[in-house]
Amino acid sequence: MDLQTVYMDKIEILSKRQFITPKTAGQKEYVDAIRSHDIVFAIGPAGTGKCIAGSSRVLTHQGLLSIQSLRSGTQPDTYVPIDLDIYGMDGREKASHFYNGGYSDTRRILTRFGFEIETTPEHSLLKLGPGGDAVWTPAAQLRPGDSVALQRGQRLFGQETRIDFQYQRNGPQDHSKPIQIGRLDEEFSYMLGVLTGDGCLISKNRVILSSADPEIHASFERIADRLGLHTFPNGVNRPYDRIIASSQLYQLLLSLGMSSGSAATKRVPSAILRAPAPFVVAFLQGFFDTDGTVSRRDGYPQISSVSKPLIDEVQLLLLNLGILANRRPRWTWYRGHRRLSYQLEMTGADADQFYDRVGFRLPRKQALRQRMILKGLGSIKQGKQDGGEDSRQHDTEPHPSYRGPERPRPWGIAQQGVQPLDQDQAKPGAHEQTFHFPQQPAFQG
């Protein structure tokens, strides 16, 4: 069956959409059956069509993973069993099946605090209704100013610590010193955060750190000593740089998910996304020790990067710990040119939670929390829970990304929170491959 035959067909319906068009050969057969029979039963996974884009991150017992990575290689319109723990309306529960919805038109939903999700138009999110109740609403019906639900503080992390690393020699003359590290730990996770912030792997077989903090240099030295390696300066004109020359360490870092590209290509390493909570916290500490700042006006912690995927993943890791971070774009000057970067900031009670659950290891940054306490901002969650101005978002911010791929069950509200959507929230997305977790087979008429 050729594509023109599939896509040019349509059925008129009594709704705002006016007509529906099949997207696959199987859907075309279904449309033909509707024309030929008075009643047609379609047997398939519940909620077919209610999917999210393959790049969407979901919380599982294996870690914070893209949904498309969970069953890579599945074909469109396939429905396969899966043994996976996810976080649902009632807490941790099992997903029984995985559905590849093929390529579909999508909608990109963006909230005021920078959380976003890309879904099929039929995919429902929890919206705050006129009477204050939560109502499942298709993405296509959401409008600017609507409030959607947030799930936060699930604390569902992966448990993978094993490092499966096989060194690939660079030729017969390669005599690189072997390194031994069988499992990820907090010290190495911290260094992954440091290198994500102030490290560089652009030069092959060179691990470069640029930092003015002696404590950061000391951590770098400890990792080198542990692996039997050495650090050395990066020339006379770069006093803050330290280098480890090791093709084995270089390959190891790449295997853990570090980027060898420019700053804009950096991501949270895949090993951290699959790691237990203490290792995730150690990574965040390393990242904030290097790229993080503290507002001198009020002591609120902030972090910026030119890599939007990196900031988005850090925002989700913080949210999993129960910490809401506001993401916003920032234009800065870099080498004479304007450059777009992305900033996360935690305010009020969420700033308190950041210092309590993550914080900085660098004493000079951790000490700046005193600015917030001295100004009385550290007592917001104790002093303004009666609906005062400063309690406006701390326990009531939504997160549509955790709505997940299927009806009410996979994802829901953990803190009964809502947030207005941004003014450009209801943009058409793209033609993306989509996936979801159906609960069980069902009949649809």
Protein backbone atom coordinates (compact mmCIF):
# COMPACT_ATOMS: atom_id res chain seq x y z
CA MET A 1 0.00 0.00 0.00
CA ASP A 2 1.58 3.33 -1.07
CA LEU A 3 1.81 6.35 1.27
CA GLN A 4 -0.43 8.53 -0.89
CA THR A 5 -3.28 6.03 -0.54
CA VAL A 6 -2.88 6.09 3.26
CA TYR A 7 -2.47 9.83 3.87
CA MET A 8 -5.05 11.09 1.36
CA ASP A 9 -7.86 9.11 2.97
CA LYS A 10 -10.02 10.74 5.64
CA ILE A 11 -13.26 10.28 7.59
CA GLU A 12 -15.48 13.18 8.61
CA ILE A 13 -16.43 13.26 12.29
CA LEU A 14 -18.64 15.45 14.48
CA SER A 15 -15.97 17.31 16.46
CA LYS A 16 -13.77 20.38 16.22
CA ARG A 17 -11.22 18.33 14.30
CA GLN A 18 -13.83 17.73 11.53
CA PHE A 19 -12.02 14.71 10.08
CA ILE A 20 -9.42 12.07 10.93
CA THR A 21 -6.67 10.72 8.68
CA PRO A 22 -4.91 7.35 8.99
CA LYS A 23 -1.15 7.48 9.57
CA THR A 24 -0.22 3.81 8.94
CA ALA A 25 -1.33 0.93 6.75
CA GLY A 26 -2.97 -0.70 9.79
CA GLN A 27 -4.98 2.45 10.51
CA LYS A 28 -5.99 2.59 6.84
CA GLU A 29 -7.41 -0.94 7.12
CA TYR A 30 -9.32 0.17 10.22
CA VAL A 31 -10.78 3.16 8.36
CA ASP A 32 -11.80 0.91 5.45
CA ALA A 33 -13.48 -1.48 7.90
CA ILE A 34 -15.48 1.41 9.43
CA ARG A 35 -16.83 2.27 5.99
CA SER A 36 -17.79 -1.33 5.27
CA HIS A 37 -19.42 -2.36 8.58
CA ASP A 38 -21.90 -0.91 11.05
CA ILE A 39 -19.81 -1.93 14.11
CA VAL A 40 -16.03 -2.42 14.24
CA PHE A 41 -14.04 -3.59 17.28
CA ALA A 42 -10.32 -2.83 17.32
CA ILE A 43 -8.25 -4.95 19.68
CA GLY A 44 -5.08 -3.28 20.89
CA PRO A 45 -3.30 -1.55 23.77
CA ALA A 46 -5.33 0.79 25.97
CA GLY A 47 -4.86 4.45 25.15
CA THR A 48 -3.40 3.94 21.69
CA GLY A 49 -2.51 7.34 20.30
CA LYS A 50 -1.84 8.87 23.73
CA CYS A 51 1.94 8.96 23.45
CA ILE A 52 4.95 11.14 24.20
CA ALA A 53 7.95 11.91 22.00
CA GLY A 54 10.73 9.34 22.08
CA SER A 55 13.23 11.79 23.60
CA SER A 56 11.01 12.38 26.67
CA ARG A 57 12.60 11.36 29.96
CA VAL A 58 10.65 9.08 32.31
CA LEU A 59 11.40 8.00 35.87
CA THR A 60 11.95 4.25 36.19
CA HIS A 61 13.65 1.88 38.61
CA GLN A 62 16.48 1.83 36.05
CA GLY A 63 16.92 5.60 36.26
CA LEU A 64 15.85 8.74 34.40
CA LEU A 65 15.75 7.42 30.84
CA SER A 66 14.39 8.45 27.46
CA ILE A 67 11.30 6.40 26.72
CA GLN A 68 12.62 5.38 23.29
CA SER A 69 15.70 3.77 24.87
CA LEU A 70 13.60 1.31 26.87
CA ARG A 71 12.71 -0.80 23.86
CA SER A 72 15.07 0.31 21.12
CA GLY A 73 14.58 -1.53 17.86
CA THR A 74 10.80 -1.98 18.18
CA GLN A 75 8.82 -1.36 15.02
CA PRO A 76 5.96 1.17 14.68
CA ASP A 77 2.55 -0.10 15.81
CA THR A 78 4.15 -2.85 17.92
CA TYR A 79 3.09 -3.71 21.43
CA VAL A 80 5.58 -5.68 23.55
CA PRO A 81 5.78 -6.81 27.20
CA ILE A 82 8.09 -4.90 29.51
CA ASP A 83 9.13 -5.44 33.12
CA LEU A 84 9.59 -1.94 34.47
CA ASP A 85 8.84 -0.02 37.67
CA ILE A 86 7.53 3.49 37.10
CA TYR A 87 5.94 6.09 39.38
CA GLY A 88 2.16 6.34 39.16
CA MET A 89 -0.73 8.06 40.86
CA ASP A 90 -0.39 5.80 43.90
CA GLY A 91 3.39 5.62 43.97
CA ARG A 92 5.73 3.03 42.50
CA GLU A 93 4.02 0.48 40.26
CA LYS A 94 4.64 -1.89 37.36
CA ALA A 95 4.38 -1.07 33.66
CA SER A 96 3.40 -4.25 31.82
CA HIS A 97 3.73 -3.29 28.15
CA PHE A 98 5.49 -0.86 25.83
CA TYR A 99 3.93 0.58 22.67
CA ASN A 100 5.73 2.15 19.69
CA GLY A 101 3.23 4.52 18.10
CA GLY A 102 5.35 5.31 15.05
CA TYR A 103 5.56 8.85 13.70
CA SER A 104 2.76 11.23 14.70
CA ASP A 105 2.04 14.94 14.79
CA THR A 106 2.88 16.35 18.22
CA ARG A 107 2.22 19.32 20.50
CA ARG A 108 4.93 20.92 22.64
CA ILE A 109 3.68 22.06 26.04
CA LEU A 110 5.80 24.63 27.92
CA THR A 111 5.09 25.84 31.46
CA ARG A 112 6.01 29.13 33.07
CA PHE A 113 8.87 27.54 35.03
CA GLY A 114 10.40 25.99 31.92
CA PHE A 115 9.14 22.41 32.19
CA GLU A 116 8.11 21.01 28.84
CA ILE A 117 6.77 17.89 27.22
CA GLU A 118 6.04 16.90 23.62
CA THR A 119 3.00 14.69 23.16
CA THR A 120 0.48 13.57 20.60
CA PRO A 121 -2.60 15.84 20.53
CA GLU A 122 -4.72 13.09 22.12
CA HIS A 123 -2.38 12.64 25.09
CA SER A 124 -4.02 13.87 28.29
CA LEU A 125 -2.50 15.98 31.06
CA LEU A 126 -4.04 16.78 34.44
CA LYS A 127 -5.44 20.31 34.26
CA LEU A 128 -6.90 22.33 37.10
CA GLY A 129 -10.61 22.69 36.37
CA PRO A 130 -12.84 25.71 37.09
CA GLY A 131 -14.05 24.16 40.34
CA GLY A 132 -10.54 23.40 41.59
CA ASP A 133 -10.63 19.72 40.66
CA ALA A 134 -8.06 17.99 38.43
CA VAL A 135 -9.39 16.98 35.01
CA TRP A 136 -7.63 14.85 32.37
CA THR A 137 -7.44 17.10 29.30
CA PRO A 138 -6.04 16.27 25.83
CA ALA A 139 -2.94 18.30 24.95
CA ALA A 140 -4.72 19.73 21.91
CA GLN A 141 -7.29 21.39 24.21
CA LEU A 142 -4.80 23.14 26.50
CA ARG A 143 -4.57 26.90 26.22
CA PRO A 144 -2.23 29.63 27.57
CA GLY A 145 -3.04 30.29 31.21
CA ASP A 146 -4.26 26.73 31.93
CA SER A 147 -2.70 25.09 35.00
CA VAL A 148 -1.34 21.55 34.75
CA ALA A 149 -0.18 19.11 37.40
CA LEU A 150 3.28 18.61 38.82
CA GLN A 151 4.82 15.45 40.23
CA ARG A 152 7.83 16.06 42.45
CA GLY A 153 9.88 14.36 45.15
CA GLN A 154 9.34 10.81 43.88
CA ARG A 155 12.95 9.82 44.71
CA LEU A 156 12.87 6.99 42.19
CA PHE A 157 16.46 6.38 41.10
CA GLY A 158 18.38 3.69 39.28
CA GLN A 159 20.66 1.24 41.07
CA GLU A 160 23.35 0.64 38.44
CA THR A 161 26.91 1.10 39.71
CA ARG A 162 28.82 -1.46 37.64
CA ILE A 163 31.25 -0.01 35.09
CA ASP A 164 31.62 -2.23 32.04
CA PHE A 165 34.62 -0.69 30.34
CA GLN A 166 36.71 -2.31 27.63
CA TYR A 167 39.64 -0.25 26.44
CA GLN A 168 40.12 -0.01 22.67
CA ARG A 169 43.81 0.26 21.84
CA ASN A 170 44.86 3.07 19.49
CA GLY A 171 47.24 0.80 17.56
CA PRO A 172 50.09 -1.68 18.12
CA GLN A 173 52.28 1.02 19.68
CA ASP A 174 49.65 1.93 22.28
CA HIS A 175 51.16 1.38 25.73
CA SER A 176 48.67 3.44 27.72
CA LYS A 177 48.71 2.65 31.41
CA PRO A 178 45.73 0.43 32.35
CA ILE A 179 43.26 1.83 34.87
CA GLN A 180 41.03 -0.20 37.13
CA ILE A 181 37.63 1.01 38.33
CA GLY A 182 34.92 -1.61 38.59
CA ARG A 183 32.11 0.41 40.11
CA LEU A 184 30.89 3.97 40.25
CA ASP A 185 31.13 5.63 43.66
CA GLU A 186 30.43 9.04 45.18
CA GLU A 187 33.96 10.38 44.69
CA PHE A 188 34.01 9.52 41.00
CA SER A 189 30.41 10.79 40.57
CA TYR A 190 31.50 14.11 42.08
CA MET A 191 34.36 14.30 39.59
CA LEU A 192 31.95 13.62 36.70
CA GLY A 193 30.00 16.67 37.89
CA VAL A 194 33.18 18.75 38.13
CA LEU A 195 34.24 17.77 34.60
CA THR A 196 30.74 18.43 33.26
CA GLY A 197 31.03 21.95 34.61
CA ASP A 198 34.69 22.90 34.16
CA GLY A 199 36.15 19.98 32.20
CA CYS A 200 36.98 19.52 28.54
CA LEU A 201 37.47 16.38 26.45
CA ILE A 202 37.82 18.06 23.06
CA SER A 203 41.54 17.16 22.77
CA LYS A 204 41.78 13.41 22.21
CA ASN A 205 43.29 11.44 25.11
CA ARG A 206 43.49 14.60 27.23
CA VAL A 207 41.26 15.28 30.24
CA ILE A 208 41.47 19.02 30.94
CA LEU A 209 40.15 20.80 34.04
CA SER A 210 40.05 24.59 34.34
CA SER A 211 39.29 25.90 37.82
CA ALA A 212 40.63 28.56 40.19
CA ASP A 213 39.50 26.65 43.31
CA PRO A 214 42.26 24.68 45.07
CA GLU A 215 39.67 22.26 46.48
CA ILE A 216 38.61 21.34 42.93
CA HIS A 217 42.24 20.81 41.92
CA ALA A 218 42.73 18.61 45.00
CA SER A 219 39.76 16.40 43.99
CA PHE A 220 41.23 16.08 40.49
CA GLU A 221 44.59 15.08 41.99
CA ARG A 222 42.94 12.44 44.20
CA ILE A 223 41.23 10.82 41.21
CA ALA A 224 44.54 10.79 39.33
CA ASP A 225 46.37 9.24 42.30
CA ARG A 226 43.65 6.63 42.74
CA LEU A 227 44.05 5.55 39.10
CA GLY A 228 47.84 5.68 39.17
CA LEU A 229 47.94 8.70 36.87
CA HIS A 230 49.52 12.16 37.07
CA THR A 231 48.34 15.73 36.49
CA PHE A 232 50.38 18.52 34.98
CA PRO A 233 49.84 22.20 34.08
CA ASN A 234 48.50 23.21 30.68
CA GLY A 235 51.29 25.62 29.69
CA VAL A 236 52.53 28.80 31.34
CA ASN A 237 49.68 31.00 30.11
CA ARG A 238 46.88 28.92 31.64
CA PRO A 239 47.56 28.87 35.39
CA TYR A 240 44.14 27.43 36.30
CA ASP A 241 44.34 24.42 33.97
CA ARG A 242 45.31 20.89 34.94
CA ILE A 243 45.61 17.96 32.52
CA ILE A 244 45.59 14.18 32.83
CA ALA A 245 47.06 12.58 29.71
CA SER A 246 45.54 9.11 29.50
CA SER A 247 43.79 7.50 26.57
CA GLN A 248 42.31 4.92 28.95
CA LEU A 249 40.73 7.54 31.25
CA TYR A 250 39.57 9.47 28.18
CA GLN A 251 37.79 6.40 26.78
CA LEU A 252 36.37 5.53 30.21
CA LEU A 253 34.77 8.97 30.56
CA LEU A 254 33.24 8.69 27.09
CA SER A 255 31.84 5.24 27.95
CA LEU A 256 30.16 6.75 31.04
CA GLY A 257 28.37 9.31 28.84
CA MET A 258 30.65 12.35 28.97
CA SER A 259 30.68 14.54 25.86
CA SER A 260 33.82 15.12 23.79
CA GLY A 261 32.22 18.06 21.97
CA SER A 262 31.73 21.74 22.75
CA ALA A 263 29.95 23.09 25.84
CA ALA A 264 26.62 23.08 23.96
CA THR A 265 26.79 19.27 23.57
CA LYS A 266 27.22 18.47 27.26
CA ARG A 267 24.67 16.21 28.97
CA VAL A 268 24.28 14.53 32.33
CA PRO A 269 26.38 11.35 31.86
CA SER A 270 24.25 8.28 31.21
CA ALA A 271 25.96 6.51 34.13
CA ILE A 272 24.59 9.20 36.49
CA LEU A 273 21.07 8.98 35.06
CA ARG A 274 21.09 5.26 36.00
CA ALA A 275 22.84 5.67 39.36
CA PRO A 276 21.55 5.53 42.97
CA ALA A 277 20.51 8.72 44.75
CA PRO A 278 23.81 9.36 46.65
CA PHE A 279 25.76 9.28 43.39
CA VAL A 280 23.27 11.62 41.70
CA VAL A 281 23.63 14.05 44.61
CA ALA A 282 27.44 13.83 44.40
CA PHE A 283 27.31 14.61 40.67
CA LEU A 284 25.05 17.63 41.29
CA GLN A 285 27.45 18.87 43.98
CA GLY A 286 30.36 18.67 41.54
CA PHE A 287 28.39 20.43 38.82
CA PHE A 288 27.21 23.23 41.14
CA ASP A 289 30.69 23.61 42.68
CA THR A 290 32.02 24.46 39.22
CA ASP A 291 29.22 26.06 37.19
CA GLY A 292 26.90 27.05 40.02
CA THR A 293 26.63 30.48 41.62
CA VAL A 294 24.86 32.05 44.57
CA SER A 295 22.91 35.27 44.18
CA ARG A 296 24.71 37.97 46.15
CA ARG A 297 21.42 39.76 46.69
CA ASP A 298 19.48 36.96 48.39
CA GLY A 299 21.64 33.82 48.52
CA TYR A 300 19.54 31.82 46.07
CA PRO A 301 21.49 29.07 44.22
CA GLN A 302 21.70 29.29 40.43
CA ILE A 303 23.40 27.46 37.59
CA SER A 304 23.75 28.25 33.88
CA SER A 305 24.85 26.40 30.74
CA VAL A 306 24.68 26.88 27.00
CA SER A 307 23.49 23.26 26.77
CA LYS A 308 19.71 23.14 27.06
CA PRO A 309 19.59 19.30 27.30
CA LEU A 310 22.03 19.42 30.23
CA ILE A 311 19.98 22.04 32.10
CA ASP A 312 16.73 20.15 31.38
CA GLU A 313 18.17 16.91 32.79
CA VAL A 314 19.52 18.65 35.90
CA GLN A 315 16.10 20.27 36.40
CA LEU A 316 14.48 16.81 36.36
CA LEU A 317 17.07 15.31 38.73
CA LEU A 318 16.42 18.14 41.18
CA LEU A 319 12.66 17.67 40.85
CA ASN A 320 13.06 13.96 41.61
CA LEU A 321 14.70 15.08 44.87
CA GLY A 322 11.72 17.36 45.57
CA ILE A 323 13.48 20.59 44.53
CA LEU A 324 11.75 22.92 42.09
CA ALA A 325 14.10 24.92 39.86
CA ASN A 326 12.90 27.66 37.54
CA ARG A 327 14.45 27.44 34.06
CA ARG A 328 14.71 30.56 31.94
CA PRO A 329 16.76 31.61 28.89
CA ARG A 330 19.51 34.21 29.24
CA TRP A 331 21.43 36.12 26.62
CA THR A 332 25.07 36.76 27.47
CA TRP A 333 28.12 38.13 25.70
CA TYR A 334 30.85 35.66 24.75
CA ARG A 335 33.92 36.72 22.77
CA GLY A 336 32.09 39.71 21.35
CA HIS A 337 28.93 37.85 20.36
CA ARG A 338 25.54 37.34 22.00
CA ARG A 339 25.05 33.77 23.15
CA LEU A 340 21.93 32.02 24.43
CA SER A 341 22.29 30.13 27.68
CA TYR A 342 19.84 28.60 30.16
CA GLN A 343 19.68 29.28 33.88
CA LEU A 344 18.17 27.31 36.74
CA GLU A 345 17.34 29.13 39.96
CA MET A 346 15.87 27.86 43.21
CA THR A 347 14.06 30.33 45.45
CA GLY A 348 12.32 30.33 48.82
CA ALA A 349 11.66 26.91 50.34
CA ASP A 350 13.17 25.20 47.29
CA ALA A 351 16.45 27.01 47.94
CA ASP A 352 16.34 25.66 51.51
CA GLN A 353 15.73 22.17 50.17
CA PHE A 354 18.62 22.50 47.73
CA TYR A 355 21.04 23.43 50.52
CA ASP A 356 19.71 20.62 52.74
CA ARG A 357 19.56 17.84 50.12
CA VAL A 358 22.37 18.78 47.70
CA GLY A 359 24.29 21.93 48.57
CA PHE A 360 27.84 22.88 47.65
CA ARG A 361 31.00 21.12 48.78
CA LEU A 362 33.05 24.28 48.23
CA PRO A 363 33.07 26.12 51.59
CA ARG A 364 33.07 29.56 49.95
CA LYS A 365 29.80 28.79 48.12
CA GLN A 366 28.09 26.90 50.93
CA ALA A 367 28.87 29.80 53.29
CA LEU A 368 26.92 32.19 51.08
CA ARG A 369 23.73 30.53 52.32
CA GLN A 370 24.10 32.79 55.33
CA ARG A 371 23.00 35.72 53.15
CA MET A 372 19.66 34.03 52.65
CA ILE A 373 19.26 33.17 56.32
CA LEU A 374 20.26 36.63 57.52
CA LYS A 375 17.68 38.23 55.25
CA GLY A 376 14.99 35.95 56.65
CA LEU A 377 14.46 34.12 53.39
CA GLY A 378 15.51 30.80 54.86
CA SER A 379 12.40 30.68 57.03
CA ILE A 380 9.80 30.90 54.27
CA LYS A 381 8.58 27.36 54.63
CA GLN A 382 8.20 27.80 58.40
CA GLY A 383 6.80 31.34 58.40
CA LYS A 384 4.62 31.72 55.31
CA GLN A 385 2.53 28.62 54.84
CA ASP A 386 -0.70 30.50 55.38
CA GLY A 387 -1.03 31.62 51.79
CA GLY A 388 1.31 34.60 52.14
CA GLU A 389 3.02 36.04 49.09
CA ASP A 390 6.25 34.06 49.42
CA SER A 391 4.54 30.65 49.50
CA ARG A 392 3.20 31.15 45.98
CA GLN A 393 5.08 28.34 44.23
CA HIS A 394 7.02 26.24 46.68
CA ASP A 395 4.65 23.30 46.93
CA THR A 396 2.38 24.03 44.01
CA GLU A 397 4.42 23.92 40.82
CA PRO A 398 3.38 21.52 38.07
CA HIS A 399 5.50 19.26 35.98
CA PRO A 400 3.85 18.01 32.81
CA SER A 401 6.85 15.87 31.85
CA TYR A 402 5.88 13.39 34.53
CA ARG A 403 2.34 13.06 33.26
CA GLY A 404 3.78 10.20 31.26
CA PRO A 405 2.53 8.23 28.37
CA GLU A 406 -0.90 6.84 29.20
CA ARG A 407 -4.14 7.86 30.92
CA PRO A 408 -4.16 8.47 34.69
CA ARG A 409 -2.12 5.48 35.82
CA PRO A 410 1.53 5.93 34.82
CA TRP A 411 2.01 9.48 36.13
CA GLY A 412 0.05 11.86 38.29
CA ILE A 413 0.15 14.41 41.10
CA ALA A 414 2.48 13.89 44.04
CA GLN A 415 2.13 17.30 45.67
CA GLN A 416 -1.23 18.49 44.36
CA GLY A 417 0.49 21.32 42.50
CA VAL A 418 -0.47 23.46 39.55
CA GLN A 419 1.28 25.99 37.34
CA PRO A 420 0.00 28.24 34.54
CA LEU A 421 1.22 27.38 31.08
CA ASP A 422 3.45 29.85 29.26
CA GLN A 423 1.96 32.13 26.64
CA ASP A 424 3.48 30.07 23.82
CA GLN A 425 2.74 26.73 25.47
CA ALA A 426 0.47 25.23 22.82
CA LYS A 427 2.84 25.28 19.88
CA PRO A 428 2.59 22.59 17.25
CA GLY A 429 5.50 20.24 17.70
CA ALA A 430 6.96 18.14 14.93
CA HIS A 431 6.33 14.82 13.24
CA GLU A 432 7.98 12.66 15.90
CA GLN A 433 8.22 8.99 16.78
CA THR A 434 6.10 8.43 19.88
CA PHE A 435 5.82 5.80 22.62
CA HIS A 436 3.81 4.95 25.72
CA PHE A 437 3.24 2.31 28.43
CA PRO A 438 -0.22 0.74 27.92
CA GLN A 439 -1.50 -1.09 30.96
CA GLN A 440 -3.32 -3.98 29.25
CA PRO A 441 -5.07 -4.86 25.98
CA ALA A 442 -8.51 -3.31 25.55
CA PHE A 443 -11.39 -2.97 23.08
CA GLN A 444 -11.98 0.36 21.39
CA GLY A 445 -14.99 1.14 19.24
